[in-house]
Each structure stands twice: as structure tokens, then as C-alpha cells.
PDB file of N, CA and C in Angstrom:
ATOM      1  N   UNK A   1     114.754-125.305  33.846  1.00  0.00           N
ATOM      2  CA  UNK A   1     114.159-124.012  34.103  1.00  0.00           C
ATOM      3  C   UNK A   1     114.796-123.422  35.356  1.00  0.00           C
ATOM      4  N   UNK A   2     115.244-122.187  35.253  1.00  0.00           N
ATOM      5  CA  UNK A   2     115.837-121.490  36.375  1.00  0.00           C
ATOM      6  C   UNK A   2     114.897-120.388  36.813  1.00  0.00           C
ATOM      7  N   UNK A   3     114.633-120.317  38.100  1.00  0.00           N
ATOM      8  CA  UNK A   3     113.791-119.225  38.592  1.00  0.00           C
ATOM      9  C   UNK A   3     114.626-118.308  39.460  1.00  0.00           C
ATOM     10  N   UNK A   4     114.291-117.030  39.460  1.00  0.00           N
ATOM     11  CA  UNK A   4     115.059-116.085  40.262  1.00  0.00           C
ATOM     12  C   UNK A   4     114.926-116.374  41.755  1.00  0.00           C
ATOM     13  N   UNK A   5     115.963-116.033  42.504  1.00  0.00           N
ATOM     14  CA  UNK A   5     115.914-116.148  43.959  1.00  0.00           C
ATOM     15  C   UNK A   5     115.137-114.987  44.556  1.00  0.00           C
ATOM     16  N   UNK A   6     115.045-114.966  45.855  1.00  0.00           N
ATOM     17  CA  UNK A   6     114.249-113.951  46.546  1.00  0.00           C
ATOM     18  C   UNK A   6     114.684-112.521  46.254  1.00  0.00           C
ATOM     19  N   UNK A   7     115.967-112.281  46.193  1.00  0.00           N
ATOM     20  CA  UNK A   7     116.473-110.916  46.001  1.00  0.00           C
ATOM     21  C   UNK A   7     116.791-110.614  44.543  1.00  0.00           C
ATOM     22  N   UNK A   8     116.293-111.443  43.648  1.00  0.00           N
ATOM     23  CA  UNK A   8     116.530-111.248  42.223  1.00  0.00           C
ATOM     24  C   UNK A   8     115.256-110.737  41.562  1.00  0.00           C
ATOM     25  N   UNK A   9     115.392-110.144  40.379  1.00  0.00           N
ATOM     26  CA  UNK A   9     114.217-109.570  39.710  1.00  0.00           C
ATOM     27  C   UNK A   9     113.121-110.609  39.474  1.00  0.00           C
ATOM     28  N   UNK A  10     111.880-110.159  39.643  1.00  0.00           N
ATOM     29  CA  UNK A  10     110.729-111.032  39.456  1.00  0.00           C
ATOM     30  C   UNK A  10     109.862-110.604  38.278  1.00  0.00           C
ATOM     31  N   UNK A  11     110.094-109.391  37.768  1.00  0.00           N
ATOM     32  CA  UNK A  11     109.286-108.863  36.669  1.00  0.00           C
ATOM     33  C   UNK A  11     110.201-108.275  35.602  1.00  0.00           C
ATOM     34  N   UNK A  12     109.621-108.025  34.440  1.00  0.00           N
ATOM     35  CA  UNK A  12     110.375-107.388  33.363  1.00  0.00           C
ATOM     36  C   UNK A  12     110.913-106.040  33.812  1.00  0.00           C
ATOM     37  N   UNK A  13     110.081-105.251  34.493  1.00  0.00           N
ATOM     38  CA  UNK A  13     110.532-103.942  34.969  1.00  0.00           C
ATOM     39  C   UNK A  13     111.710-104.096  35.925  1.00  0.00           C
ATOM     40  N   UNK A  14     111.621-105.040  36.849  1.00  0.00           N
ATOM     41  CA  UNK A  14     112.733-105.292  37.778  1.00  0.00           C
ATOM     42  C   UNK A  14     114.010-105.625  37.004  1.00  0.00           C
ATOM     43  N   UNK A  15     113.879-106.475  36.000  1.00  0.00           N
ATOM     44  CA  UNK A  15     115.047-106.890  35.217  1.00  0.00           C
ATOM     45  C   UNK A  15     115.652-105.703  34.470  1.00  0.00           C
ATOM     46  N   UNK A  16     114.791-104.870  33.886  1.00  0.00           N
ATOM     47  CA  UNK A  16     115.300-103.672  33.211  1.00  0.00           C
ATOM     48  C   UNK A  16     116.031-102.765  34.205  1.00  0.00           C
ATOM     49  N   UNK A  17     115.483-102.627  35.398  1.00  0.00           N
ATOM     50  CA  UNK A  17     116.118-101.783  36.423  1.00  0.00           C
ATOM     51  C   UNK A  17     117.498-102.326  36.800  1.00  0.00           C
ATOM     52  N   UNK A  18     117.604-103.639  36.955  1.00  0.00           N
ATOM     53  CA  UNK A  18     118.900-104.250  37.286  1.00  0.00           C
ATOM     54  C   UNK A  18     119.878-104.045  36.142  1.00  0.00           C
ATOM     55  N   UNK A  19     119.420-104.280  34.920  1.00  0.00           N
ATOM     56  CA  UNK A  19     120.306-104.112  33.760  1.00  0.00           C
ATOM     57  C   UNK A  19     120.816-102.673  33.679  1.00  0.00           C
ATOM     58  N   UNK A  20     119.935-101.711  33.892  1.00  0.00           N
ATOM     59  CA  UNK A  20     120.335-100.307  33.817  1.00  0.00           C
ATOM     60  C   UNK A  20     121.310 -99.942  34.934  1.00  0.00           C
ATOM     61  N   UNK A  21     121.080-100.485  36.117  1.00  0.00           N
ATOM     62  CA  UNK A  21     121.925-100.112  37.259  1.00  0.00           C
ATOM     63  C   UNK A  21     123.288-100.788  37.237  1.00  0.00           C
ATOM     64  N   UNK A  22     123.431-101.847  36.464  1.00  0.00           N
ATOM     65  CA  UNK A  22     124.714-102.567  36.418  1.00  0.00           C
ATOM     66  C   UNK A  22     125.466-102.331  35.116  1.00  0.00           C
ATOM     67  N   UNK A  23     124.907-101.505  34.248  1.00  0.00           N
ATOM     68  CA  UNK A  23     125.514-101.250  32.930  1.00  0.00           C
ATOM     69  C   UNK A  23     126.945-100.724  33.089  1.00  0.00           C
ATOM     70  N   UNK A  24     127.885-101.303  32.355  1.00  0.00           N
ATOM     71  CA  UNK A  24     129.270-100.813  32.430  1.00  0.00           C
ATOM     72  C   UNK A  24     129.385 -99.371  31.941  1.00  0.00           C
ATOM     73  N   UNK A  25     130.410 -98.716  32.403  1.00  0.00           N
ATOM     74  CA  UNK A  25     130.657 -97.340  31.968  1.00  0.00           C
ATOM     75  C   UNK A  25     131.136 -97.320  30.523  1.00  0.00           C
ATOM     76  N   UNK A  26     130.859 -96.238  29.808  1.00  0.00           N
ATOM     77  CA  UNK A  26     131.404 -96.122  28.441  1.00  0.00           C
ATOM     78  C   UNK A  26     132.922 -96.299  28.492  1.00  0.00           C
ATOM     79  N   UNK A  27     133.439 -96.991  27.525  1.00  0.00           N
ATOM     80  CA  UNK A  27     134.885 -97.231  27.490  1.00  0.00           C
ATOM     81  C   UNK A  27     135.317 -98.477  28.232  1.00  0.00           C
ATOM     82  N   UNK A  28     134.360 -99.197  28.849  1.00  0.00           N
ATOM     83  CA  UNK A  28     134.717-100.443  29.540  1.00  0.00           C
ATOM     84  C   UNK A  28     135.225-101.452  28.506  1.00  0.00           C
ATOM     85  N   UNK A  29     135.999-102.402  28.962  1.00  0.00           N
ATOM     86  CA  UNK A  29     136.580-103.404  28.059  1.00  0.00           C
ATOM     87  C   UNK A  29     135.483-104.262  27.426  1.00  0.00           C
ATOM     88  N   UNK A  30     135.821-104.845  26.285  1.00  0.00           N
ATOM     89  CA  UNK A  30     134.869-105.727  25.612  1.00  0.00           C
ATOM     90  C   UNK A  30     134.500-106.909  26.505  1.00  0.00           C
ATOM     91  N   UNK A  31     135.459-107.417  27.263  1.00  0.00           N
ATOM     92  CA  UNK A  31     135.154-108.557  28.130  1.00  0.00           C
ATOM     93  C   UNK A  31     134.181-108.164  29.244  1.00  0.00           C
ATOM     94  N   UNK A  32     134.271-106.933  29.728  1.00  0.00           N
ATOM     95  CA  UNK A  32     133.319-106.448  30.733  1.00  0.00           C
ATOM     96  C   UNK A  32     131.917-106.375  30.134  1.00  0.00           C
ATOM     97  N   UNK A  33     131.826-105.832  28.923  1.00  0.00           N
ATOM     98  CA  UNK A  33     130.533-105.758  28.238  1.00  0.00           C
ATOM     99  C   UNK A  33     129.989-107.151  27.962  1.00  0.00           C
ATOM    100  N   UNK A  34     130.862-108.079  27.568  1.00  0.00           N
ATOM    101  CA  UNK A  34     130.432-109.450  27.294  1.00  0.00           C
ATOM    102  C   UNK A  34     129.843-110.086  28.549  1.00  0.00           C
ATOM    103  N   UNK A  35     130.532-109.960  29.662  1.00  0.00           N
ATOM    104  CA  UNK A  35     130.036-110.531  30.921  1.00  0.00           C
ATOM    105  C   UNK A  35     128.694-109.920  31.302  1.00  0.00           C
ATOM    106  N   UNK A  36     128.537-108.608  31.082  1.00  0.00           N
ATOM    107  CA  UNK A  36     127.279-107.927  31.405  1.00  0.00           C
ATOM    108  C   UNK A  36     126.144-108.445  30.522  1.00  0.00           C
ATOM    109  N   UNK A  37     126.408-108.574  29.229  1.00  0.00           N
ATOM    110  CA  UNK A  37     125.382-109.075  28.300  1.00  0.00           C
ATOM    111  C   UNK A  37     124.991-110.513  28.664  1.00  0.00           C
ATOM    112  N   UNK A  38     125.971-111.349  28.982  1.00  0.00           N
ATOM    113  CA  UNK A  38     125.683-112.740  29.340  1.00  0.00           C
ATOM    114  C   UNK A  38     124.862-112.818  30.630  1.00  0.00           C
ATOM    115  N   UNK A  39     125.220-111.966  31.602  1.00  0.00           N
ATOM    116  CA  UNK A  39     124.467-111.934  32.859  1.00  0.00           C
ATOM    117  C   UNK A  39     123.030-111.468  32.616  1.00  0.00           C
ATOM    118  N   UNK A  40     122.865-110.476  31.741  1.00  0.00           N
ATOM    119  CA  UNK A  40     121.521-110.002  31.415  1.00  0.00           C
ATOM    120  C   UNK A  40     120.702-111.110  30.771  1.00  0.00           C
ATOM    121  N   UNK A  41     121.291-111.842  29.843  1.00  0.00           N
ATOM    122  CA  UNK A  41     120.567-112.929  29.178  1.00  0.00           C
ATOM    123  C   UNK A  41     120.108-113.965  30.199  1.00  0.00           C
ATOM    124  N   UNK A  42     120.994-114.330  31.131  1.00  0.00           N
ATOM    125  CA  UNK A  42     120.622-115.297  32.177  1.00  0.00           C
ATOM    126  C   UNK A  42     119.496-114.742  33.047  1.00  0.00           C
ATOM    127  N   UNK A  43     119.606-113.461  33.410  1.00  0.00           N
ATOM    128  CA  UNK A  43     118.598-112.838  34.254  1.00  0.00           C
ATOM    129  C   UNK A  43     117.240-112.809  33.551  1.00  0.00           C
ATOM    130  N   UNK A  44     117.212-112.337  32.300  1.00  0.00           N
ATOM    131  CA  UNK A  44     115.951-112.284  31.563  1.00  0.00           C
ATOM    132  C   UNK A  44     115.363-113.683  31.380  1.00  0.00           C
ATOM    133  N   UNK A  45     116.227-114.668  31.130  1.00  0.00           N
ATOM    134  CA  UNK A  45     115.754-116.044  30.951  1.00  0.00           C
ATOM    135  C   UNK A  45     115.048-116.518  32.217  1.00  0.00           C
ATOM    136  N   UNK A  46     115.636-116.255  33.371  1.00  0.00           N
ATOM    137  CA  UNK A  46     115.025-116.660  34.644  1.00  0.00           C
ATOM    138  C   UNK A  46     113.706-115.919  34.876  1.00  0.00           C
ATOM    139  N   UNK A  47     113.692-114.629  34.590  1.00  0.00           N
ATOM    140  CA  UNK A  47     112.478-113.827  34.816  1.00  0.00           C
ATOM    141  C   UNK A  47     111.360-114.253  33.862  1.00  0.00           C
ATOM    142  N   UNK A  48     111.703-114.719  32.679  1.00  0.00           N
ATOM    143  CA  UNK A  48     110.663-115.116  31.713  1.00  0.00           C
ATOM    144  C   UNK A  48     109.827-116.280  32.232  1.00  0.00           C
ATOM    145  N   UNK A  49     110.378-117.058  33.143  1.00  0.00           N
ATOM    146  CA  UNK A  49     109.631-118.173  33.721  1.00  0.00           C
ATOM    147  C   UNK A  49     108.741-117.735  34.881  1.00  0.00           C
ATOM    148  N   UNK A  50     108.955-116.525  35.390  1.00  0.00           N
ATOM    149  CA  UNK A  50     108.199-116.032  36.536  1.00  0.00           C
ATOM    150  C   UNK A  50     107.151-115.003  36.108  1.00  0.00           C
ATOM    151  N   UNK A  51     107.552-114.041  35.306  1.00  0.00           N
ATOM    152  CA  UNK A  51     106.643-112.976  34.851  1.00  0.00           C
ATOM    153  C   UNK A  51     105.963-113.450  33.565  1.00  0.00           C
ATOM    154  N   UNK A  52     104.968-114.308  33.723  1.00  0.00           N
ATOM    155  CA  UNK A  52     104.312-114.929  32.569  1.00  0.00           C
ATOM    156  C   UNK A  52     103.542-113.912  31.729  1.00  0.00           C
ATOM    157  N   UNK A  53     103.094-112.818  32.329  1.00  0.00           N
ATOM    158  CA  UNK A  53     102.356-111.797  31.584  1.00  0.00           C
ATOM    159  C   UNK A  53     103.234-111.175  30.501  1.00  0.00           C
ATOM    160  N   UNK A  54     104.541-111.059  30.779  1.00  0.00           N
ATOM    161  CA  UNK A  54     105.481-110.445  29.839  1.00  0.00           C
ATOM    162  C   UNK A  54     106.411-111.474  29.190  1.00  0.00           C
ATOM    163  N   UNK A  55     106.031-112.754  29.258  1.00  0.00           N
ATOM    164  CA  UNK A  55     106.909-113.838  28.814  1.00  0.00           C
ATOM    165  C   UNK A  55     107.497-113.603  27.413  1.00  0.00           C
ATOM    166  N   UNK A  56     106.663-113.275  26.441  1.00  0.00           N
ATOM    167  CA  UNK A  56     107.153-113.138  25.066  1.00  0.00           C
ATOM    168  C   UNK A  56     108.059-111.923  24.912  1.00  0.00           C
ATOM    169  N   UNK A  57     107.742-110.837  25.569  1.00  0.00           N
ATOM    170  CA  UNK A  57     108.606-109.653  25.527  1.00  0.00           C
ATOM    171  C   UNK A  57     109.951-109.955  26.190  1.00  0.00           C
ATOM    172  N   UNK A  58     109.910-110.669  27.291  1.00  0.00           N
ATOM    173  CA  UNK A  58     111.159-111.019  27.980  1.00  0.00           C
ATOM    174  C   UNK A  58     111.998-111.944  27.109  1.00  0.00           C
ATOM    175  N   UNK A  59     111.354-112.868  26.397  1.00  0.00           N
ATOM    176  CA  UNK A  59     112.107-113.752  25.504  1.00  0.00           C
ATOM    177  C   UNK A  59     112.806-112.944  24.407  1.00  0.00           C
ATOM    178  N   UNK A  60     112.174-111.848  23.974  1.00  0.00           N
ATOM    179  CA  UNK A  60     112.851-110.947  23.029  1.00  0.00           C
ATOM    180  C   UNK A  60     114.147-110.446  23.658  1.00  0.00           C
ATOM    181  N   UNK A  61     114.098-110.029  24.922  1.00  0.00           N
ATOM    182  CA  UNK A  61     115.283-109.491  25.586  1.00  0.00           C
ATOM    183  C   UNK A  61     116.346-110.562  25.778  1.00  0.00           C
ATOM    184  N   UNK A  62     115.932-111.799  26.018  1.00  0.00           N
ATOM    185  CA  UNK A  62     116.902-112.905  26.097  1.00  0.00           C
ATOM    186  C   UNK A  62     117.648-113.013  24.768  1.00  0.00           C
ATOM    187  N   UNK A  63     116.895-113.048  23.667  1.00  0.00           N
ATOM    188  CA  UNK A  63     117.510-113.168  22.339  1.00  0.00           C
ATOM    189  C   UNK A  63     118.383-111.958  22.024  1.00  0.00           C
ATOM    190  N   UNK A  64     117.922-110.772  22.406  1.00  0.00           N
ATOM    191  CA  UNK A  64     118.688-109.547  22.164  1.00  0.00           C
ATOM    192  C   UNK A  64     120.033-109.610  22.880  1.00  0.00           C
ATOM    193  N   UNK A  65     120.007-109.941  24.163  1.00  0.00           N
ATOM    194  CA  UNK A  65     121.249-109.989  24.945  1.00  0.00           C
ATOM    195  C   UNK A  65     122.154-111.119  24.470  1.00  0.00           C
ATOM    196  N   UNK A  66     121.581-112.276  24.125  1.00  0.00           N
ATOM    197  CA  UNK A  66     122.395-113.374  23.584  1.00  0.00           C
ATOM    198  C   UNK A  66     123.067-112.948  22.279  1.00  0.00           C
ATOM    199  N   UNK A  67     122.324-112.261  21.419  1.00  0.00           N
ATOM    200  CA  UNK A  67     122.881-111.796  20.143  1.00  0.00           C
ATOM    201  C   UNK A  67     124.010-110.805  20.342  1.00  0.00           C
ATOM    202  N   UNK A  68     123.806-109.846  21.237  1.00  0.00           N
ATOM    203  CA  UNK A  68     124.860-108.856  21.520  1.00  0.00           C
ATOM    204  C   UNK A  68     126.083-109.540  22.124  1.00  0.00           C
ATOM    205  N   UNK A  69     125.867-110.538  22.981  1.00  0.00           N
ATOM    206  CA  UNK A  69     126.991-111.277  23.574  1.00  0.00           C
ATOM    207  C   UNK A  69     127.764-112.026  22.493  1.00  0.00           C
ATOM    208  N   UNK A  70     127.051-112.620  21.558  1.00  0.00           N
ATOM    209  CA  UNK A  70     127.725-113.329  20.460  1.00  0.00           C
ATOM    210  C   UNK A  70     128.555-112.364  19.617  1.00  0.00           C
ATOM    211  N   UNK A  71     128.016-111.177  19.342  1.00  0.00           N
ATOM    212  CA  UNK A  71     128.772-110.166  18.584  1.00  0.00           C
ATOM    213  C   UNK A  71     130.043-109.762  19.322  1.00  0.00           C
ATOM    214  N   UNK A  72     129.922-109.546  20.627  1.00  0.00           N
ATOM    215  CA  UNK A  72     131.092-109.162  21.421  1.00  0.00           C
ATOM    216  C   UNK A  72     132.128-110.280  21.450  1.00  0.00           C
ATOM    217  N   UNK A  73     131.676-111.518  21.614  1.00  0.00           N
ATOM    218  CA  UNK A  73     132.604-112.659  21.635  1.00  0.00           C
ATOM    219  C   UNK A  73     133.350-112.754  20.309  1.00  0.00           C
ATOM    220  N   UNK A  74     132.652-112.509  19.213  1.00  0.00           N
ATOM    221  CA  UNK A  74     133.295-112.545  17.892  1.00  0.00           C
ATOM    222  C   UNK A  74     134.325-111.429  17.769  1.00  0.00           C
ATOM    223  N   UNK A  75     133.999-110.244  18.271  1.00  0.00           N
ATOM    224  CA  UNK A  75     134.962-109.123  18.234  1.00  0.00           C
ATOM    225  C   UNK A  75     136.196-109.433  19.061  1.00  0.00           C
ATOM    226  N   UNK A  76     135.989-110.034  20.224  1.00  0.00           N
ATOM    227  CA  UNK A  76     137.117-110.391  21.088  1.00  0.00           C
ATOM    228  C   UNK A  76     138.007-111.418  20.389  1.00  0.00           C
ATOM    229  N   UNK A  77     137.381-112.433  19.784  1.00  0.00           N
ATOM    230  CA  UNK A  77     138.159-113.451  19.043  1.00  0.00           C
ATOM    231  C   UNK A  77     138.925-112.810  17.900  1.00  0.00           C
ATOM    232  N   UNK A  78     138.278-111.893  17.164  1.00  0.00           N
ATOM    233  CA  UNK A  78     138.929-111.225  16.035  1.00  0.00           C
ATOM    234  C   UNK A  78     140.122-110.400  16.510  1.00  0.00           C
ATOM    235  N   UNK A  79     139.969-109.698  17.612  1.00  0.00           N
ATOM    236  CA  UNK A  79     141.077-108.879  18.125  1.00  0.00           C
ATOM    237  C   UNK A  79     142.236-109.762  18.565  1.00  0.00           C
ATOM    238  N   UNK A  80     141.916-110.913  19.163  1.00  0.00           N
ATOM    239  CA  UNK A  80     142.978-111.828  19.600  1.00  0.00           C
ATOM    240  C   UNK A  80     143.720-112.399  18.396  1.00  0.00           C
ATOM    241  N   UNK A  81     142.978-112.724  17.339  1.00  0.00           N
ATOM    242  CA  UNK A  81     143.645-113.301  16.162  1.00  0.00           C
ATOM    243  C   UNK A  81     144.447-112.229  15.412  1.00  0.00           C
ATOM    244  N   UNK A  82     143.986-110.983  15.446  1.00  0.00           N
ATOM    245  CA  UNK A  82     144.737-109.886  14.817  1.00  0.00           C
ATOM    246  C   UNK A  82     146.042-109.600  15.567  1.00  0.00           C
ATOM    247  N   UNK A  83     146.008-109.810  16.884  1.00  0.00           N
ATOM    248  CA  UNK A  83     147.183-109.536  17.714  1.00  0.00           C
ATOM    249  C   UNK A  83     148.243-110.623  17.554  1.00  0.00           C
ATOM    250  N   UNK A  84     147.860-111.804  17.084  1.00  0.00           N
ATOM    251  CA  UNK A  84     148.855-112.874  16.962  1.00  0.00           C
ATOM    252  C   UNK A  84     149.587-112.874  15.668  1.00  0.00           C
TER     253      UNK A  84
END
């Protein structure tokens, strides 16, 4: 179990605010989006252990970000194999 540090989000709202403020610009590379999605999943996972009132909703966001990261990783792999 990972818990957020002092300067890290402690609630679902905090986590949403961080995700929104760190969102890559449109047109950013797939690898940038992948790193952002992976970081969001880690952040939501940590917050789900602290904000117990929103635990199930936060777990949805963990799964959502993990799923989007998996899609991006697959696209990156596909582009690499197409280039070879």
C-alpha cells in the first residue's frame, strides 16, 4: 500500500486537480500521454488508500487510467512495429 506524501493529493478532488493541471497539451507525443496516464494511475491508487469516503470512485479512476495507459502502450508498440 502506498500513501501520498505531505505535498501530494489527499482527496479525490485534489487528485482530479493535479491531473487537470498536469495534462499534456494537445498534440503531445504518445509517450508523453502514456507517462501522464501512468502517473495518474499511481496517484489515484495512492489516494484511494487515504480518501476512504471516495474509495470505490477512486478505484474506478485507477482502472480508467490503467486502461488508457494500456491502449497507448499498444499504439506505441504498433507504431514501432509498423516502422520496422
